[in-house]
Each structure stands twice: as structure tokens, then as C-alpha cells.
Amino acid sequence: MIRAKILSLGLPLLMLATTAHAGLFTFQTAAGATESGGNPVSASANITTANGTMTITLNNLLVNPTTVAQNLSDFSFVLSGTTSLGSLGTNTGQEITVAANGTATTGSTVATGWIFSSPSAGTYLLDALGAGGAGPEHTILGAPGAGGIYTNANGSIAGNDPHNPFLNQSATFTLNISGVTTSTTVSNVLFSFGTVSGNNVPGGGNNSTVPEPVSLSLVGGGLLALGLLRKRLPR
């Protein structure tokens, strides 16, 4: 009787756990990448896909930038098996303002003001510079130098009112797109930099399918039940 009850609890939990997954993708600019003016750039994107939705976190990894041309200002990618535009859900980043002397003041976490569009079927674009977007404000600025000061910053960053405030190092976007599943793949990634559209740098990456947190808890529950079974069975 004990064996039957515990098996009826543990095995279904384990079986259910194997069915809930999320697609995880990481893309990054290549080492030594530069924008069109020859300035170094470095950025990454962390992407999670689930049924009907995806979350993207963009990160500017360049420390103590010199020019606004090194700021991340748009991100494009291709999704498999989708054609609809969908919609932009929550999108947030922390504002940061850089004074003329390079000192920085962080502000509130706000809506990014970036525009979401689909230039062609299956291709998607997040863009600070598009019509109606926040640009030239709210491009993503890398971290400051020593002491929290942007010692390298020229006048395109430091004290530049049209470009301030920036977004502080990262921004996160939730997209609602019909047809996206845990099996959707992300490819043809392009990071763009600066306050002029089209300064594109490709991103290389990898992907995997991993259990979601609910799946991990189900696995734990199933293993616990089977552990109890082992303890209670006669030896």
C-alpha cells in the first residue's frame, strides 16, 4: 500500500517536470569589436522564450566609454516560426545622467521609450532611435571608470543635454509574440551603437533548453517521494 501511494505521487511529478522548459539564449559582440568610427564596443543580450512571450535583457559591457557612439541604441534579431509583430510589454531601465565633469547621478527605473517593430516577417527590432522613440536620450551607457566617474567621456556624453539621461548599463524588455514557444530559435542578432541608425555589430551566441523553476520544484518533489519510498520499503 505504501509503495503504491508514494509511486502514485512521485512518478507523475517527475514525468510532469520533464515537460516544462524555457529556451535560453545568450549573445555577445566578439572580442575586439568596434563601431564604424573604430571605437571599441561590447554588449550582450540574455533572452528567454516561453509560450507566446520572450524576455530580453540588453547589457552594455564597455567600461568608461569615450563617446556616445559606444552606447547601445538598438537590437535586431530573427525568430523561427513567427510572422506576427506582437506587442511590447513591460520595458524598463534605470536612468543615469553624466555631468560635464564626468560625475554620474543615477535616477529612477523608468520605461525605456524604445520602439518595437518588425521590419520584415520574422525579423524584430528594439530601437531607441525610431520615430517616436526616446532617442537620442535613453541609449544604454556602459559602467563608469574608477570612483564612479566617466573619466574618458567626451562632450557627446558628459554634460550633453540632448543625450542625457542615458540608461544605466542595461534594459529589460518583455515581448508578446504569437507563435513563440520554448522551441523557438533566435538568430541573425545585430547590436547597434550610437545616435545614428545602422551602426550594426553582429552578435554570436548559443542557446539551450532548461527546466523552469516550477519544473525544478516538481523534480524535487518527485525525488523526495521516491526517497521516502526507499526508506519505508522493507530491506
Protein backbone atom coordinates (compact mmCIF):
# COMPACT_ATOMS: atom_id res chain seq x y z
CA MET A 1 0.00 0.00 0.00
CA ILE A 2 2.80 2.46 0.94
CA ARG A 3 4.70 1.60 -2.23
CA ALA A 4 1.61 2.28 -4.39
CA LYS A 5 0.78 5.61 -2.73
CA ILE A 6 4.29 7.01 -2.96
CA LEU A 7 4.78 5.86 -6.52
CA SER A 8 1.46 7.46 -7.45
CA LEU A 9 2.81 10.76 -6.08
CA GLY A 10 6.45 10.69 -7.10
CA LEU A 11 6.39 9.32 -10.63
CA PRO A 12 3.74 11.72 -12.00
CA LEU A 13 5.69 14.65 -10.54
CA LEU A 14 8.85 13.51 -12.26
CA MET A 15 7.03 12.97 -15.54
CA LEU A 16 5.39 16.40 -15.38
CA ALA A 17 8.70 18.08 -14.58
CA THR A 18 10.24 16.86 -17.80
CA THR A 19 7.62 18.67 -19.90
CA ALA A 20 8.05 22.29 -18.66
CA HIS A 21 11.02 24.08 -20.21
CA ALA A 22 12.22 27.52 -21.31
CA GLY A 23 14.55 28.42 -24.15
CA LEU A 24 17.58 30.40 -23.01
CA PHE A 25 19.86 32.32 -25.37
CA THR A 26 22.98 34.42 -24.82
CA PHE A 27 24.53 36.61 -27.50
CA GLN A 28 27.58 38.85 -27.30
CA THR A 29 29.65 41.02 -29.58
CA ALA A 30 33.00 39.49 -30.50
CA ALA A 31 36.16 40.38 -28.61
CA GLY A 32 37.76 43.42 -30.23
CA ALA A 33 34.51 44.56 -31.92
CA THR A 34 34.34 48.21 -32.98
CA GLU A 35 31.66 50.56 -34.24
CA SER A 36 32.09 52.26 -37.64
CA GLY A 37 34.28 55.01 -36.18
CA GLY A 38 36.77 52.48 -34.83
CA ASN A 39 35.82 52.83 -31.16
CA PRO A 40 35.60 49.57 -29.18
CA VAL A 41 32.15 48.28 -28.27
CA SER A 42 30.96 45.40 -26.13
CA ALA A 43 27.39 44.27 -25.49
CA SER A 44 25.38 41.19 -24.66
CA ALA A 45 21.77 40.03 -24.77
CA ASN A 46 20.17 37.45 -22.49
CA ILE A 47 16.93 36.06 -23.94
CA THR A 48 14.30 33.72 -22.53
CA THR A 49 11.48 32.34 -24.69
CA ALA A 50 8.26 30.80 -23.42
CA ASN A 51 4.83 30.23 -24.93
CA GLY A 52 3.72 33.50 -26.55
CA THR A 53 6.32 35.64 -24.83
CA MET A 54 10.01 36.42 -24.58
CA THR A 55 12.18 38.49 -22.26
CA ILE A 56 15.31 40.29 -23.45
CA THR A 57 17.92 41.97 -21.26
CA LEU A 58 20.41 44.12 -23.15
CA ASN A 59 23.72 44.96 -21.48
CA ASN A 60 26.39 47.47 -22.45
CA LEU A 61 29.58 45.82 -21.16
CA LEU A 62 32.03 48.58 -22.12
CA VAL A 63 33.53 50.27 -19.06
CA ASN A 64 34.29 54.02 -19.07
CA PRO A 65 33.27 54.82 -22.66
CA THR A 66 34.63 57.79 -24.58
CA THR A 67 31.80 58.67 -26.95
CA VAL A 68 28.06 58.22 -27.34
CA ALA A 69 28.91 56.18 -30.45
CA GLN A 70 29.73 53.35 -28.00
CA ASN A 71 26.24 53.40 -26.46
CA LEU A 72 23.83 50.60 -27.30
CA SER A 73 20.85 52.05 -29.17
CA ASP A 74 19.08 49.18 -30.94
CA PHE A 75 18.91 45.42 -31.19
CA SER A 76 17.53 43.27 -34.01
CA PHE A 77 17.03 39.53 -34.34
CA VAL A 78 15.17 36.81 -36.26
CA LEU A 79 12.77 34.32 -34.69
CA SER A 80 11.91 30.94 -36.16
CA GLY A 81 8.25 30.11 -36.84
CA THR A 82 6.81 33.58 -36.28
CA THR A 83 5.40 36.24 -38.59
CA SER A 84 3.24 38.49 -36.39
CA LEU A 85 4.52 41.72 -34.87
CA GLY A 86 3.08 41.17 -31.42
CA SER A 87 3.45 43.89 -28.82
CA LEU A 88 5.91 45.42 -26.41
CA GLY A 89 5.05 44.70 -22.80
CA THR A 90 7.00 45.94 -19.80
CA ASN A 91 10.31 47.62 -20.63
CA THR A 92 12.50 49.24 -18.03
CA GLY A 93 15.92 50.70 -17.35
CA GLN A 94 17.49 52.93 -14.72
CA GLU A 95 18.26 56.48 -15.83
CA ILE A 96 21.74 57.89 -15.36
CA THR A 97 22.90 61.46 -16.03
CA VAL A 98 26.56 62.35 -16.66
CA ALA A 99 27.66 65.86 -15.76
CA ALA A 100 30.27 67.88 -17.65
CA ASN A 101 32.97 66.77 -15.19
CA GLY A 102 32.15 63.08 -15.71
CA THR A 103 30.37 62.52 -12.42
CA ALA A 104 27.22 60.44 -12.70
CA THR A 105 23.88 60.59 -10.95
CA THR A 106 21.55 57.61 -11.11
CA GLY A 107 17.81 58.20 -11.24
CA SER A 108 14.61 56.21 -11.24
CA THR A 109 13.81 53.00 -13.08
CA VAL A 110 11.58 54.10 -15.96
CA ALA A 111 10.09 52.92 -19.24
CA THR A 112 12.84 52.78 -21.85
CA GLY A 113 11.00 54.72 -24.54
CA TRP A 114 12.36 52.26 -27.11
CA ILE A 115 10.22 51.32 -30.11
CA PHE A 116 9.37 47.71 -31.03
CA SER A 117 8.81 46.91 -34.70
CA SER A 118 9.03 44.14 -37.28
CA PRO A 119 10.83 45.37 -40.43
CA SER A 120 10.02 42.08 -42.20
CA ALA A 121 8.28 38.80 -41.40
CA GLY A 122 10.16 37.03 -38.60
CA THR A 123 12.60 39.93 -38.06
CA TYR A 124 12.22 42.12 -34.97
CA LEU A 125 13.77 45.39 -33.82
CA LEU A 126 14.06 47.17 -30.48
CA ASP A 127 15.14 50.73 -31.17
CA ALA A 128 15.72 53.92 -29.18
CA LEU A 129 16.11 55.98 -32.36
CA GLY A 130 12.94 55.06 -34.25
CA ALA A 131 10.18 57.58 -34.91
CA GLY A 132 8.51 58.35 -31.61
CA GLY A 133 11.33 56.77 -29.62
CA ALA A 134 13.25 58.31 -26.75
CA GLY A 135 16.47 58.82 -28.74
CA PRO A 136 18.91 60.45 -28.64
CA GLU A 137 18.18 60.02 -24.91
CA HIS A 138 17.94 56.60 -23.27
CA THR A 139 20.73 54.88 -25.18
CA ILE A 140 22.39 52.29 -22.92
CA LEU A 141 25.61 53.56 -21.36
CA GLY A 142 28.37 51.32 -20.03
CA ALA A 143 29.71 51.45 -16.48
CA PRO A 144 31.84 54.37 -15.23
CA GLY A 145 35.53 54.21 -14.51
CA ALA A 146 37.28 54.25 -11.13
CA GLY A 147 35.45 56.15 -8.43
CA GLY A 148 32.21 56.03 -10.38
CA ILE A 149 33.38 58.78 -12.75
CA TYR A 150 33.34 58.72 -16.55
CA THR A 151 36.90 59.97 -16.88
CA ASN A 152 37.12 59.13 -20.60
CA ALA A 153 33.82 60.74 -21.58
CA ASN A 154 33.92 63.48 -24.18
CA GLY A 155 31.25 66.12 -24.81
CA SER A 156 28.91 63.67 -26.52
CA ILE A 157 28.37 62.02 -23.11
CA ALA A 158 29.48 64.38 -20.37
CA GLY A 159 27.11 67.30 -19.93
CA ASN A 160 25.36 66.68 -23.25
CA ASP A 161 21.75 67.66 -22.59
CA PRO A 162 20.22 66.14 -25.76
CA HIS A 163 21.81 62.74 -24.96
CA ASN A 164 21.18 62.72 -21.19
CA PRO A 165 19.78 60.88 -19.37
CA PHE A 166 21.10 57.55 -20.53
CA LEU A 167 20.05 54.09 -19.36
CA ASN A 168 22.46 52.70 -16.80
CA GLN A 169 24.27 49.65 -18.28
CA SER A 170 21.16 47.55 -19.06
CA ALA A 171 17.50 47.49 -20.04
CA THR A 172 14.92 44.69 -19.96
CA PHE A 173 12.06 44.16 -22.42
CA THR A 174 9.10 41.76 -22.44
CA LEU A 175 7.66 40.97 -25.87
CA ASN A 176 4.33 39.29 -26.54
CA ILE A 177 4.57 37.49 -29.88
CA SER A 178 2.13 34.91 -31.18
CA GLY A 179 3.90 31.74 -32.27
CA VAL A 180 6.84 31.97 -29.87
CA THR A 181 7.35 28.74 -27.94
CA THR A 182 10.03 27.12 -25.85
CA SER A 183 11.39 25.64 -29.10
CA THR A 184 11.68 28.98 -30.93
CA THR A 185 15.22 29.79 -32.04
CA VAL A 186 16.84 33.23 -32.13
CA SER A 187 19.35 34.10 -34.88
CA ASN A 188 20.82 36.90 -37.04
CA VAL A 189 21.43 39.07 -33.99
CA LEU A 190 22.68 42.63 -34.54
CA PHE A 191 23.62 45.16 -31.86
CA SER A 192 23.64 48.82 -32.95
CA PHE A 193 25.52 51.67 -31.35
CA GLY A 194 25.44 55.45 -31.32
CA THR A 195 22.76 58.00 -32.13
CA VAL A 196 22.61 57.28 -35.87
CA SER A 197 20.72 54.17 -37.00
CA GLY A 198 22.53 51.41 -38.86
CA ASN A 199 25.83 51.21 -36.98
CA ASN A 200 25.44 47.44 -36.65
CA VAL A 201 27.73 44.89 -34.98
CA PRO A 202 26.84 41.18 -35.17
CA GLY A 203 26.43 39.12 -32.02
CA GLY A 204 27.44 35.50 -31.69
CA GLY A 205 25.72 33.23 -29.21
CA ASN A 206 24.37 29.94 -28.01
CA ASN A 207 21.10 28.56 -26.72
CA SER A 208 19.81 25.81 -24.53
CA THR A 209 16.57 24.44 -23.12
CA VAL A 210 16.46 24.21 -19.35
CA PRO A 211 13.83 23.42 -16.73
CA GLU A 212 11.87 26.40 -15.47
CA PRO A 213 11.81 26.96 -11.67
CA VAL A 214 8.43 25.21 -11.40
CA SER A 215 9.95 22.20 -13.13
CA LEU A 216 12.85 22.12 -10.71
CA SER A 217 10.46 22.14 -7.76
CA LEU A 218 8.48 19.30 -9.29
CA VAL A 219 11.66 17.30 -9.76
CA GLY A 220 12.50 17.90 -6.10
CA GLY A 221 9.03 16.77 -5.03
CA GLY A 222 9.27 13.62 -7.11
CA LEU A 223 12.70 12.71 -5.80
CA LEU A 224 11.57 13.34 -2.23
CA ALA A 225 8.62 11.00 -2.67
CA LEU A 226 10.82 8.30 -4.12
CA GLY A 227 13.28 8.79 -1.27
CA LEU A 228 10.53 8.21 1.24
CA LEU A 229 9.57 5.05 -0.63
CA ARG A 230 13.10 3.73 -0.32
CA LYS A 231 13.18 4.36 3.43
CA ARG A 232 9.85 2.67 4.09
CA LEU A 233 10.27 -0.41 1.97
CA PRO A 234 11.44 -3.50 3.89
CA ARG A 235 15.07 -4.42 3.30
